[in-house]
Amino acid sequence: MKARSYRSVLAAGISLYTSNFRKFFKASWITALIYSLVGGVASTLMTLKIPAILVAIMLQIQKYHGIFIEPLLNFAWTTIVIIGLIIATIAVMAMAHGTIMNQLKEHQETGNISTPTSWFKPSVRLMGRTIEGVFFTTVIFVGFIILEIALLTVIEVMKPGTILQAPITIMGCIIVVNTLFSLLAIPLFYVLTKYVLNKEKGYWSTLASSYGCGLRHWGSLFLVFFVSILLITIVGLVIILPANILYIANYMAQMGQLYGDPLGMPSYMTPMTYVTYVLCYFIQFYALLLLLLHCYYAYGSIEAKEQERQQQKLDILS
């Protein structure tokens, strides 16, 4: 690995992606398919089940001016199942990315990526470490959200009605704080990549020793992530277009019941929605792969720059 500008990092990531895509696909397609199947279940439930339950609740309010316990329990259990499936989806995605990280580890050590010997032999060496890294990074984000909610609760308890009296001010503060946190969280992706590719330290010790290094190179990291996410967003909007069409069609059909219209959805709507989501998730996984490769080269560039920085210090002292 060598020191690179952000443009060179982006170009190197795209080059590695296009020249080794078949190798990446051959090693990861099984785990990517599992990720797609699990994610498809979660998205299908959110698309078909949640709107139907909400419409049932609103119809009860219209007809009986109240809510029965059954739809509320149905909504609660469905939400719990969806949250569990989302967690499982993230875990399987981390597992699939672990296969890719194993190949990137080989590239880091040898400069090459070997062709997998079998279509049914995913690399598993770094899967566990990738899952752990993604889990701990997610804990940081979830912890921040919980802290934010706790602070809002404390404000409301200490001075009741504050949130309702100044909603725009509160919302503005939330947006500013979340934006600052998002910007400060960018070095976490450097920390995550370093943790996965180096087994010497645990996650929290890697975070303590490397977050400051990521902050020093925040500008280049920001540019790499901004361009990568922009590219992936553009591609992603095209990928998820069929799923969005199905979601809107189902939502409009469900909402039409509030005005007395029949549901009118075909019997094959559920399997068609699920298959569509599975295909979208599968393609999306390989679109997100580009961000992973850019993280890899950004990490390598920072490591090379830090080595040069340390060498310059030694030269000055000597």
Protein backbone atom coordinates (compact mmCIF):
# COMPACT_ATOMS: atom_id res chain seq x y z
CA MET A 1 0.00 0.00 0.00
CA LYS A 2 1.16 3.54 -0.67
CA ALA A 3 0.18 7.11 0.12
CA ARG A 4 -2.48 8.35 -2.29
CA SER A 5 -4.61 11.40 -2.90
CA TYR A 6 -8.35 10.98 -2.53
CA ARG A 7 -8.68 10.88 -6.33
CA SER A 8 -6.10 8.12 -6.52
CA VAL A 9 -7.93 6.20 -3.77
CA LEU A 10 -11.19 6.42 -5.73
CA ALA A 11 -9.52 5.38 -8.99
CA ALA A 12 -7.68 2.47 -7.34
CA GLY A 13 -10.90 1.21 -5.73
CA ILE A 14 -12.78 1.30 -9.04
CA SER A 15 -9.87 -0.42 -10.82
CA LEU A 16 -9.72 -3.21 -8.21
CA TYR A 17 -13.50 -3.60 -8.43
CA THR A 18 -13.64 -3.96 -12.20
CA SER A 19 -10.53 -6.13 -12.59
CA ASN A 20 -11.40 -8.60 -9.80
CA PHE A 21 -15.20 -8.58 -9.76
CA ARG A 22 -15.47 -12.22 -10.84
CA LYS A 23 -13.18 -13.28 -7.97
CA PHE A 24 -15.16 -11.21 -5.47
CA PHE A 25 -18.42 -12.66 -6.77
CA LYS A 26 -17.19 -16.25 -6.73
CA ALA A 27 -16.09 -15.97 -3.11
CA SER A 28 -19.08 -14.08 -1.73
CA TRP A 29 -22.19 -14.95 -3.73
CA ILE A 30 -23.48 -17.51 -1.20
CA THR A 31 -23.32 -15.12 1.75
CA ALA A 32 -24.63 -12.30 -0.47
CA LEU A 33 -27.59 -14.51 -1.40
CA ILE A 34 -28.31 -15.29 2.26
CA TYR A 35 -28.14 -11.54 2.98
CA SER A 36 -30.63 -10.94 0.16
CA LEU A 37 -33.03 -13.65 1.34
CA VAL A 38 -33.09 -12.38 4.94
CA GLY A 39 -33.30 -8.73 3.91
CA GLY A 40 -36.09 -9.61 1.48
CA VAL A 41 -38.21 -11.04 4.29
CA ALA A 42 -37.76 -7.90 6.42
CA SER A 43 -38.58 -5.55 3.54
CA THR A 44 -41.58 -7.61 2.41
CA LEU A 45 -43.04 -7.47 5.92
CA MET A 46 -42.47 -3.71 6.05
CA THR A 47 -44.06 -3.27 2.62
CA LEU A 48 -47.11 -5.53 2.99
CA LYS A 49 -47.74 -6.15 6.68
CA ILE A 50 -47.11 -2.80 8.40
CA PRO A 51 -49.37 -0.69 6.11
CA ALA A 52 -52.13 -3.32 6.38
CA ILE A 53 -51.99 -3.24 10.19
CA LEU A 54 -51.98 0.57 10.30
CA VAL A 55 -54.96 0.73 7.95
CA ALA A 56 -56.80 -1.81 10.13
CA ILE A 57 -56.17 0.39 13.17
CA MET A 58 -57.39 3.52 11.36
CA LEU A 59 -60.51 1.69 10.13
CA GLN A 60 -61.30 0.70 13.70
CA ILE A 61 -60.91 4.31 14.81
CA GLN A 62 -63.27 5.42 12.02
CA LYS A 63 -65.89 2.78 12.79
CA TYR A 64 -65.71 2.31 16.55
CA HIS A 65 -63.94 5.52 17.66
CA GLY A 66 -61.41 3.36 19.49
CA ILE A 67 -58.67 0.77 19.05
CA PHE A 68 -58.86 -2.92 19.90
CA ILE A 69 -55.87 -4.60 21.50
CA GLU A 70 -55.47 -7.23 18.76
CA PRO A 71 -54.12 -4.97 15.97
CA LEU A 72 -51.83 -3.22 18.45
CA LEU A 73 -50.36 -6.55 19.54
CA ASN A 74 -50.08 -7.57 15.90
CA PHE A 75 -48.22 -4.34 15.15
CA ALA A 76 -45.91 -4.82 18.14
CA TRP A 77 -45.03 -8.41 17.28
CA THR A 78 -44.52 -7.58 13.60
CA THR A 79 -42.22 -4.69 14.56
CA ILE A 80 -40.19 -6.97 16.85
CA VAL A 81 -39.85 -9.56 14.08
CA ILE A 82 -38.78 -6.89 11.59
CA ILE A 83 -36.18 -5.48 14.00
CA GLY A 84 -34.84 -9.01 14.54
CA LEU A 85 -34.66 -9.58 10.79
CA ILE A 86 -32.89 -6.24 10.28
CA ILE A 87 -30.29 -7.23 12.89
CA ALA A 88 -29.90 -10.60 11.16
CA THR A 89 -29.56 -8.84 7.79
CA ILE A 90 -26.77 -6.61 9.12
CA ALA A 91 -25.01 -9.64 10.63
CA VAL A 92 -25.18 -11.60 7.37
CA MET A 93 -24.02 -8.54 5.41
CA ALA A 94 -21.03 -8.26 7.74
CA MET A 95 -20.37 -11.97 7.19
CA ALA A 96 -20.48 -11.49 3.42
CA HIS A 97 -18.16 -8.49 3.66
CA GLY A 98 -15.86 -10.63 5.82
CA THR A 99 -15.35 -12.86 2.80
CA ILE A 100 -14.32 -9.82 0.76
CA MET A 101 -12.08 -8.56 3.58
CA ASN A 102 -10.28 -11.91 3.54
CA GLN A 103 -9.49 -11.34 -0.13
CA LEU A 104 -8.37 -7.78 0.61
CA LYS A 105 -6.10 -9.12 3.36
CA GLU A 106 -4.50 -11.35 0.74
CA HIS A 107 -4.17 -8.35 -1.58
CA GLN A 108 -2.56 -6.34 1.23
CA GLU A 109 0.03 -9.08 1.84
CA THR A 110 0.76 -10.22 -1.72
CA GLY A 111 -0.56 -7.51 -4.03
CA ASN A 112 -2.83 -10.06 -5.74
CA ILE A 113 -6.19 -11.74 -5.23
CA SER A 114 -6.26 -15.44 -6.01
CA THR A 115 -9.22 -17.05 -7.73
CA PRO A 116 -11.36 -19.12 -5.31
CA THR A 117 -11.00 -22.84 -6.01
CA SER A 118 -14.74 -23.52 -5.79
CA TRP A 119 -18.03 -21.73 -6.35
CA PHE A 120 -19.18 -23.15 -3.00
CA LYS A 121 -16.23 -22.20 -0.83
CA PRO A 122 -16.58 -18.74 0.73
CA SER A 123 -13.63 -17.44 2.73
CA VAL A 124 -14.41 -17.44 6.45
CA ARG A 125 -11.15 -16.37 8.11
CA LEU A 126 -12.15 -12.76 8.71
CA MET A 127 -15.93 -13.18 8.90
CA GLY A 128 -15.99 -13.23 12.70
CA ARG A 129 -13.74 -10.20 13.03
CA THR A 130 -15.82 -8.27 10.50
CA ILE A 131 -19.05 -9.12 12.34
CA GLU A 132 -17.47 -8.02 15.63
CA GLY A 133 -16.23 -4.76 14.11
CA VAL A 134 -19.60 -3.95 12.54
CA PHE A 135 -21.35 -4.82 15.82
CA PHE A 136 -19.15 -2.55 17.94
CA THR A 137 -19.38 0.28 15.41
CA THR A 138 -23.18 -0.10 15.41
CA VAL A 139 -23.13 0.00 19.22
CA ILE A 140 -21.48 3.43 19.04
CA PHE A 141 -24.18 4.77 16.71
CA VAL A 142 -27.03 3.21 18.69
CA GLY A 143 -25.49 4.46 21.94
CA PHE A 144 -25.46 8.00 20.57
CA ILE A 145 -29.13 7.73 19.56
CA ILE A 146 -30.06 6.41 23.02
CA LEU A 147 -28.10 9.24 24.66
CA GLU A 148 -29.88 11.76 22.45
CA ILE A 149 -33.30 10.36 23.37
CA ALA A 150 -32.33 10.33 27.06
CA LEU A 151 -31.30 14.00 26.93
CA LEU A 152 -34.59 14.96 25.27
CA THR A 153 -36.45 13.00 27.94
CA VAL A 154 -34.53 14.78 30.71
CA ILE A 155 -35.30 18.18 29.16
CA GLU A 156 -39.00 17.31 28.94
CA VAL A 157 -39.09 16.01 32.52
CA MET A 158 -37.26 19.04 33.95
CA LYS A 159 -39.35 21.50 31.97
CA PRO A 160 -42.58 19.90 30.70
CA GLY A 161 -43.86 21.16 27.36
CA THR A 162 -40.47 22.42 26.13
CA ILE A 163 -40.45 20.19 23.05
CA LEU A 164 -44.01 21.12 22.07
CA GLN A 165 -43.46 24.84 22.74
CA ALA A 166 -40.33 25.11 20.60
CA PRO A 167 -40.42 22.20 18.12
CA ILE A 168 -38.50 24.04 15.40
CA THR A 169 -35.68 24.98 17.78
CA ILE A 170 -35.46 21.44 19.17
CA MET A 171 -35.51 19.92 15.68
CA GLY A 172 -32.83 22.36 14.54
CA CYS A 173 -30.62 21.40 17.48
CA ILE A 174 -31.15 17.71 16.72
CA ILE A 175 -30.17 18.21 13.07
CA VAL A 176 -27.03 20.16 14.03
CA VAL A 177 -25.96 17.61 16.65
CA ASN A 178 -26.61 14.66 14.33
CA THR A 179 -24.69 16.34 11.51
CA LEU A 180 -21.69 16.99 13.78
CA PHE A 181 -21.78 13.40 15.04
CA SER A 182 -21.97 12.06 11.47
CA LEU A 183 -18.92 14.12 10.50
CA LEU A 184 -17.00 13.01 13.58
CA ALA A 185 -18.00 9.39 12.90
CA ILE A 186 -16.24 9.28 9.52
CA PRO A 187 -12.90 8.12 11.06
CA LEU A 188 -14.74 5.13 12.53
CA PHE A 189 -14.69 3.51 9.10
CA TYR A 190 -10.90 3.78 9.07
CA VAL A 191 -10.84 2.26 12.57
CA LEU A 192 -13.16 -0.56 11.47
CA THR A 193 -11.01 -1.42 8.46
CA LYS A 194 -7.84 -1.38 10.56
CA TYR A 195 -9.44 -3.59 13.20
CA VAL A 196 -10.53 -6.21 10.67
CA LEU A 197 -7.21 -6.37 8.82
CA ASN A 198 -5.00 -6.39 11.93
CA LYS A 199 -5.42 -9.02 14.64
CA GLU A 200 -3.01 -7.54 17.17
CA LYS A 201 -5.60 -5.44 19.03
CA GLY A 202 -9.22 -5.58 20.09
CA TYR A 203 -11.79 -3.15 18.73
CA TRP A 204 -11.81 -0.69 21.62
CA SER A 205 -8.01 -0.52 21.86
CA THR A 206 -7.88 0.00 18.09
CA LEU A 207 -10.46 2.76 18.45
CA ALA A 208 -8.48 4.45 21.23
CA SER A 209 -5.18 4.33 19.35
CA SER A 210 -6.39 5.00 15.79
CA TYR A 211 -9.36 7.38 15.97
CA GLY A 212 -7.06 10.39 16.36
CA CYS A 213 -5.13 9.23 13.31
CA GLY A 214 -8.38 9.11 11.37
CA LEU A 215 -9.20 12.64 12.51
CA ARG A 216 -5.83 13.87 11.20
CA HIS A 217 -6.81 12.60 7.76
CA TRP A 218 -10.46 13.60 8.08
CA GLY A 219 -10.44 15.73 4.93
CA SER A 220 -9.33 12.94 2.60
CA LEU A 221 -11.64 10.43 4.31
CA PHE A 222 -14.58 12.81 3.92
CA LEU A 223 -13.92 13.33 0.21
CA VAL A 224 -13.55 9.59 -0.40
CA PHE A 225 -16.79 8.79 1.44
CA PHE A 226 -18.70 11.68 -0.09
CA VAL A 227 -17.87 10.66 -3.66
CA SER A 228 -18.36 6.95 -2.92
CA ILE A 229 -21.74 7.45 -1.29
CA LEU A 230 -22.80 9.80 -4.09
CA LEU A 231 -21.99 7.15 -6.70
CA ILE A 232 -23.65 4.38 -4.71
CA THR A 233 -26.75 6.53 -4.09
CA ILE A 234 -27.19 7.19 -7.80
CA VAL A 235 -26.79 3.50 -8.62
CA GLY A 236 -28.93 2.50 -5.64
CA LEU A 237 -31.85 4.67 -6.74
CA VAL A 238 -31.93 2.75 -10.01
CA ILE A 239 -31.55 -0.63 -8.28
CA ILE A 240 -34.38 -0.12 -5.79
CA LEU A 241 -36.78 1.49 -8.30
CA PRO A 242 -38.81 -1.74 -8.85
CA ALA A 243 -39.10 -2.26 -5.09
CA ASN A 244 -40.20 1.35 -4.59
CA ILE A 245 -42.89 0.97 -7.25
CA LEU A 246 -44.28 -2.11 -5.49
CA TYR A 247 -44.16 -0.33 -2.12
CA ILE A 248 -46.06 2.71 -3.43
CA ALA A 249 -48.63 0.51 -5.20
CA ASN A 250 -49.31 -1.50 -2.04
CA TYR A 251 -49.41 1.62 0.14
CA MET A 252 -51.92 3.36 -2.13
CA ALA A 253 -54.06 0.21 -2.29
CA GLN A 254 -54.08 -0.11 1.50
CA MET A 255 -54.87 3.58 2.04
CA GLY A 256 -57.71 3.33 -0.47
CA GLN A 257 -59.56 1.11 2.01
CA LEU A 258 -59.99 4.14 4.26
CA TYR A 259 -62.24 5.61 1.56
CA GLY A 260 -64.20 2.41 0.96
CA ASP A 261 -62.21 1.09 -2.00
CA PRO A 262 -61.56 -2.68 -2.24
CA LEU A 263 -57.97 -3.81 -1.72
CA GLY A 264 -57.67 -5.07 -5.28
CA MET A 265 -54.15 -6.50 -4.97
CA PRO A 266 -53.44 -9.72 -6.92
CA SER A 267 -52.76 -12.96 -5.04
CA TYR A 268 -49.20 -13.10 -6.36
CA MET A 269 -48.32 -9.73 -4.80
CA THR A 270 -46.49 -11.25 -1.81
CA PRO A 271 -44.17 -13.63 -3.73
CA MET A 272 -43.55 -11.00 -6.42
CA THR A 273 -42.62 -8.42 -3.77
CA TYR A 274 -40.29 -10.86 -2.02
CA VAL A 275 -38.51 -11.92 -5.23
CA THR A 276 -38.13 -8.27 -6.24
CA TYR A 277 -36.56 -7.36 -2.91
CA VAL A 278 -34.21 -10.36 -3.02
CA LEU A 279 -32.96 -9.36 -6.47
CA CYS A 280 -32.58 -5.72 -5.41
CA TYR A 281 -30.65 -6.64 -2.26
CA PHE A 282 -28.37 -9.00 -4.17
CA ILE A 283 -27.46 -6.35 -6.74
CA GLN A 284 -27.20 -3.72 -4.00
CA PHE A 285 -24.62 -5.81 -2.14
CA TYR A 286 -22.22 -5.66 -5.07
CA ALA A 287 -22.87 -1.95 -5.51
CA LEU A 288 -21.92 -1.39 -1.84
CA LEU A 289 -18.75 -3.39 -2.47
CA LEU A 290 -17.27 -0.29 -4.10
CA LEU A 291 -17.48 1.59 -0.78
CA LEU A 292 -15.67 -1.28 0.94
CA LEU A 293 -12.83 -1.15 -1.58
CA HIS A 294 -12.53 2.61 -1.18
CA CYS A 295 -12.33 2.13 2.61
CA TYR A 296 -9.55 -0.39 2.03
CA TYR A 297 -7.47 1.96 -0.11
CA ALA A 298 -8.17 4.93 2.17
CA TYR A 299 -6.93 2.85 5.11
CA GLY A 300 -3.79 1.81 3.20
CA SER A 301 -3.09 5.39 2.17
CA ILE A 302 -3.41 6.67 5.75
CA GLU A 303 -1.14 3.89 7.04
CA ALA A 304 1.49 4.79 4.44
CA LYS A 305 1.26 8.50 5.27
CA GLU A 306 1.60 7.76 8.99
CA GLN A 307 4.70 5.65 8.34
CA GLU A 308 6.20 8.52 6.35
CA ARG A 309 5.30 10.90 9.18
CA GLN A 310 7.01 8.70 11.76
CA GLN A 311 10.07 8.33 9.54
CA GLN A 312 10.33 12.10 9.17
CA LYS A 313 10.26 12.45 12.96
CA LEU A 314 13.05 9.89 13.29
CA ASP A 315 15.11 11.67 10.63
CA ILE A 316 14.71 14.99 12.46
CA LEU A 317 15.72 13.46 15.80
CA SER A 318 18.73 11.75 14.27
